[in-house]
Each structure stands twice: as C-alpha cells, then as structure tokens.
Amino acid sequence: MDSRADFLSDESHRIRFVYIPKHTSCLNQIECWFSILVRRLLKRITVRSTEELSQKILNFIDYFNQHFAKPFVWKFKGFKDHK
C-alpha cells in the first residue's frame, strides 16, 4: 500500500488524487450552487460560443443574487462515534 499511496500522491503526475472527507462543508455548498445553476439555466440553453455561455452564466448569477439568494443552511452535526 505504501507504493500505491506514493504513486497516487506523486506531484509529477498530470492527475493527482486528493482525499478529503465527503462532508467537507465547502464542497457541499458548491454542489448546492452548481445544482441550482444546472437546473435553472444550463439544462435549458443553447449557446454558440464560450463567450455567450460565460455571459449567460454571469447574467444568471446577477439575477439570482438579486431575487433568490439566501445563505445555505449547513446541517451536518458531526459523527456521533467519531474518535
């Protein structure tokens, strides 16, 4: 296992694996935001360029922030048997 761990954590590789807990709050918050973006915008649009896509996303962010934005509620209480 040491050689596998060394291989996976080798910084010279093009792709590196980084292991973090699934309950990491920043990831869950980002996942919530991207879920909103996908459901409300990206599933329904057709774009002709990356510039158009970028502009549509920025417009959606402005609109969302003005009309719907509110803090996400973090509900993770921790593990009961965590040592």
N, C-alpha and C. Protein backbone atom coordinates (compact mmCIF):
# COMPACT_ATOMS: atom_id res chain seq x y z
N MET A 1 0.81 -1.21 0.00
CA MET A 1 0.00 0.00 0.00
C MET A 1 0.85 1.28 0.00
N ASP A 2 2.03 1.21 0.60
CA ASP A 2 2.87 2.40 0.60
C ASP A 2 3.21 2.85 -0.81
N SER A 3 3.55 1.90 -1.68
CA SER A 3 3.91 2.27 -3.05
C SER A 3 2.70 2.84 -3.79
N ARG A 4 1.52 2.30 -3.53
CA ARG A 4 0.30 2.83 -4.17
C ARG A 4 0.02 4.25 -3.69
N ALA A 5 0.11 4.47 -2.39
CA ALA A 5 -0.10 5.80 -1.84
C ALA A 5 0.93 6.78 -2.39
N ASP A 6 2.17 6.35 -2.47
CA ASP A 6 3.22 7.21 -3.04
C ASP A 6 2.91 7.54 -4.49
N PHE A 7 2.49 6.53 -5.25
CA PHE A 7 2.15 6.74 -6.66
C PHE A 7 1.00 7.74 -6.81
N LEU A 8 -0.06 7.55 -6.03
CA LEU A 8 -1.24 8.42 -6.15
C LEU A 8 -0.98 9.85 -5.69
N SER A 9 -0.03 10.03 -4.79
CA SER A 9 0.24 11.38 -4.29
C SER A 9 1.43 12.05 -4.97
N ASP A 10 2.02 11.42 -5.96
CA ASP A 10 3.16 11.96 -6.68
C ASP A 10 2.76 13.23 -7.45
N GLU A 11 3.37 14.35 -7.11
CA GLU A 11 3.00 15.64 -7.71
C GLU A 11 3.47 15.79 -9.16
N SER A 12 4.32 14.89 -9.62
CA SER A 12 4.78 15.00 -11.01
C SER A 12 3.76 14.42 -11.99
N HIS A 13 2.78 13.70 -11.52
CA HIS A 13 1.75 13.15 -12.40
C HIS A 13 0.80 14.24 -12.86
N ARG A 14 0.27 14.06 -14.05
CA ARG A 14 -0.67 15.03 -14.61
C ARG A 14 -1.95 15.11 -13.76
N ILE A 15 -2.40 13.99 -13.29
CA ILE A 15 -3.60 13.94 -12.45
C ILE A 15 -3.18 13.48 -11.07
N ARG A 16 -3.60 14.22 -10.07
CA ARG A 16 -3.30 13.86 -8.68
C ARG A 16 -4.59 13.56 -7.95
N PHE A 17 -4.59 12.58 -7.08
CA PHE A 17 -5.74 12.26 -6.25
C PHE A 17 -5.56 12.90 -4.89
N VAL A 18 -6.57 13.61 -4.45
CA VAL A 18 -6.55 14.24 -3.15
C VAL A 18 -7.77 13.73 -2.40
N TYR A 19 -7.55 13.15 -1.26
CA TYR A 19 -8.65 12.58 -0.49
C TYR A 19 -9.08 13.55 0.60
N ILE A 20 -10.35 13.89 0.58
CA ILE A 20 -10.92 14.76 1.61
C ILE A 20 -12.25 14.16 2.05
N PRO A 21 -12.72 14.48 3.23
CA PRO A 21 -13.99 13.93 3.69
C PRO A 21 -15.15 14.37 2.80
N LYS A 22 -16.12 13.45 2.59
CA LYS A 22 -17.28 13.78 1.75
C LYS A 22 -18.12 14.88 2.38
N HIS A 23 -18.06 15.04 3.69
CA HIS A 23 -18.90 16.02 4.36
C HIS A 23 -18.24 17.40 4.46
N THR A 24 -17.17 17.62 3.73
CA THR A 24 -16.49 18.91 3.77
C THR A 24 -17.46 20.02 3.38
N SER A 25 -17.64 20.99 4.23
CA SER A 25 -18.69 21.98 4.03
C SER A 25 -18.53 22.79 2.75
N CYS A 26 -17.32 23.15 2.39
CA CYS A 26 -17.17 23.97 1.19
C CYS A 26 -17.61 23.20 -0.05
N LEU A 27 -17.34 21.92 -0.11
CA LEU A 27 -17.77 21.14 -1.26
C LEU A 27 -19.29 21.03 -1.33
N ASN A 28 -19.92 20.81 -0.20
CA ASN A 28 -21.37 20.69 -0.21
C ASN A 28 -22.03 22.01 -0.62
N GLN A 29 -21.50 23.12 -0.19
CA GLN A 29 -22.06 24.41 -0.57
C GLN A 29 -21.90 24.65 -2.07
N ILE A 30 -20.77 24.30 -2.60
CA ILE A 30 -20.52 24.47 -4.03
C ILE A 30 -21.43 23.54 -4.83
N GLU A 31 -21.60 22.31 -4.35
CA GLU A 31 -22.51 21.38 -5.03
C GLU A 31 -23.93 21.92 -5.05
N CYS A 32 -24.38 22.53 -3.97
CA CYS A 32 -25.72 23.14 -3.93
C CYS A 32 -25.83 24.23 -5.00
N TRP A 33 -24.82 25.08 -5.07
CA TRP A 33 -24.87 26.18 -6.03
C TRP A 33 -24.86 25.65 -7.47
N PHE A 34 -23.99 24.71 -7.78
CA PHE A 34 -23.94 24.17 -9.14
C PHE A 34 -25.22 23.43 -9.51
N SER A 35 -25.85 22.81 -8.54
CA SER A 35 -27.12 22.15 -8.79
C SER A 35 -28.18 23.18 -9.21
N ILE A 36 -28.21 24.31 -8.53
CA ILE A 36 -29.14 25.38 -8.89
C ILE A 36 -28.83 25.90 -10.29
N LEU A 37 -27.56 26.15 -10.55
CA LEU A 37 -27.15 26.66 -11.87
C LEU A 37 -27.56 25.70 -12.99
N VAL A 38 -27.32 24.42 -12.78
CA VAL A 38 -27.66 23.44 -13.81
C VAL A 38 -29.17 23.36 -14.01
N ARG A 39 -29.93 23.23 -12.90
CA ARG A 39 -31.38 23.07 -13.03
C ARG A 39 -32.07 24.29 -13.60
N ARG A 40 -31.62 25.47 -13.23
CA ARG A 40 -32.33 26.69 -13.64
C ARG A 40 -31.81 27.33 -14.92
N LEU A 41 -30.61 26.99 -15.34
CA LEU A 41 -30.05 27.64 -16.52
C LEU A 41 -29.49 26.66 -17.54
N LEU A 42 -28.54 25.88 -17.14
CA LEU A 42 -27.76 25.12 -18.12
C LEU A 42 -28.54 24.03 -18.83
N LYS A 43 -29.54 23.44 -18.19
CA LYS A 43 -30.32 22.39 -18.84
C LYS A 43 -31.14 22.92 -20.00
N ARG A 44 -31.43 24.21 -20.02
CA ARG A 44 -32.39 24.76 -20.97
C ARG A 44 -31.81 25.67 -22.03
N ILE A 45 -30.50 25.80 -22.10
CA ILE A 45 -29.95 26.79 -23.03
C ILE A 45 -29.16 26.14 -24.15
N THR A 46 -29.06 26.87 -25.23
CA THR A 46 -28.18 26.54 -26.34
C THR A 46 -27.30 27.75 -26.56
N VAL A 47 -26.01 27.53 -26.67
CA VAL A 47 -25.08 28.64 -26.89
C VAL A 47 -24.21 28.33 -28.09
N ARG A 48 -23.68 29.38 -28.69
CA ARG A 48 -22.85 29.23 -29.88
C ARG A 48 -21.37 29.44 -29.60
N SER A 49 -21.05 29.94 -28.40
CA SER A 49 -19.64 30.18 -28.08
C SER A 49 -19.44 30.16 -26.57
N THR A 50 -18.19 30.03 -26.17
CA THR A 50 -17.89 30.07 -24.75
C THR A 50 -18.13 31.46 -24.17
N GLU A 51 -17.96 32.49 -25.00
CA GLU A 51 -18.23 33.85 -24.54
C GLU A 51 -19.72 34.02 -24.23
N GLU A 52 -20.58 33.47 -25.11
CA GLU A 52 -22.02 33.56 -24.88
C GLU A 52 -22.40 32.78 -23.62
N LEU A 53 -21.82 31.61 -23.44
CA LEU A 53 -22.08 30.82 -22.23
C LEU A 53 -21.65 31.58 -20.99
N SER A 54 -20.47 32.15 -21.04
CA SER A 54 -19.97 32.92 -19.91
C SER A 54 -20.90 34.08 -19.57
N GLN A 55 -21.35 34.80 -20.58
CA GLN A 55 -22.24 35.93 -20.34
C GLN A 55 -23.58 35.48 -19.76
N LYS A 56 -24.11 34.37 -20.25
CA LYS A 56 -25.38 33.87 -19.72
C LYS A 56 -25.23 33.46 -18.26
N ILE A 57 -24.13 32.83 -17.93
CA ILE A 57 -23.89 32.44 -16.54
C ILE A 57 -23.77 33.66 -15.65
N LEU A 58 -23.01 34.67 -16.09
CA LEU A 58 -22.87 35.89 -15.30
C LEU A 58 -24.20 36.61 -15.14
N ASN A 59 -25.01 36.64 -16.19
CA ASN A 59 -26.33 37.25 -16.09
C ASN A 59 -27.22 36.49 -15.11
N PHE A 60 -27.14 35.16 -15.15
CA PHE A 60 -27.92 34.35 -14.22
C PHE A 60 -27.49 34.61 -12.78
N ILE A 61 -26.19 34.70 -12.56
CA ILE A 61 -25.68 34.96 -11.20
C ILE A 61 -26.20 36.29 -10.69
N ASP A 62 -26.16 37.33 -11.52
CA ASP A 62 -26.68 38.65 -11.11
C ASP A 62 -28.16 38.56 -10.78
N TYR A 63 -28.93 37.92 -11.65
CA TYR A 63 -30.38 37.79 -11.44
C TYR A 63 -30.66 36.97 -10.18
N PHE A 64 -29.97 35.86 -10.02
CA PHE A 64 -30.18 35.00 -8.85
C PHE A 64 -29.85 35.76 -7.56
N ASN A 65 -28.74 36.48 -7.56
CA ASN A 65 -28.35 37.22 -6.36
C ASN A 65 -29.36 38.30 -6.00
N GLN A 66 -29.97 38.93 -6.98
CA GLN A 66 -30.96 39.98 -6.72
C GLN A 66 -32.29 39.44 -6.23
N HIS A 67 -32.70 38.27 -6.71
CA HIS A 67 -34.05 37.80 -6.46
C HIS A 67 -34.18 36.57 -5.57
N PHE A 68 -33.19 35.72 -5.51
CA PHE A 68 -33.37 34.45 -4.82
C PHE A 68 -32.30 34.11 -3.78
N ALA A 69 -31.20 34.79 -3.80
CA ALA A 69 -30.07 34.39 -2.96
C ALA A 69 -30.39 34.46 -1.49
N LYS A 70 -29.99 33.43 -0.78
CA LYS A 70 -30.05 33.39 0.68
C LYS A 70 -28.98 32.42 1.13
N PRO A 71 -28.54 32.54 2.37
CA PRO A 71 -27.47 31.64 2.82
C PRO A 71 -27.92 30.18 2.82
N PHE A 72 -27.02 29.28 2.47
CA PHE A 72 -27.30 27.86 2.59
C PHE A 72 -27.23 27.49 4.07
N VAL A 73 -28.08 26.61 4.50
CA VAL A 73 -28.09 26.17 5.89
C VAL A 73 -27.28 24.88 5.99
N TRP A 74 -26.24 24.93 6.79
CA TRP A 74 -25.37 23.77 6.96
C TRP A 74 -25.95 22.93 8.09
N LYS A 75 -26.26 21.65 7.82
CA LYS A 75 -26.94 20.80 8.79
C LYS A 75 -26.09 19.66 9.33
N PHE A 76 -24.86 19.53 8.89
CA PHE A 76 -24.02 18.43 9.36
C PHE A 76 -23.70 18.63 10.83
N LYS A 77 -24.03 17.64 11.65
CA LYS A 77 -23.82 17.75 13.10
C LYS A 77 -22.54 17.03 13.56
N GLY A 78 -21.90 16.36 12.66
CA GLY A 78 -20.72 15.59 13.04
C GLY A 78 -21.07 14.14 13.23
N PHE A 79 -20.06 13.33 13.33
CA PHE A 79 -20.26 11.90 13.56
C PHE A 79 -20.40 11.64 15.05
N LYS A 80 -21.38 10.85 15.43
CA LYS A 80 -21.61 10.55 16.85
C LYS A 80 -20.49 9.69 17.43
N ASP A 81 -19.99 8.75 16.64
CA ASP A 81 -18.95 7.85 17.15
C ASP A 81 -17.56 8.21 16.62
N HIS A 82 -17.39 9.46 16.19
CA HIS A 82 -16.09 9.91 15.67
C HIS A 82 -15.10 10.03 16.81
N LYS A 83 -13.90 9.47 16.62
CA LYS A 83 -12.91 9.47 17.71
C LYS A 83 -11.84 10.49 17.46
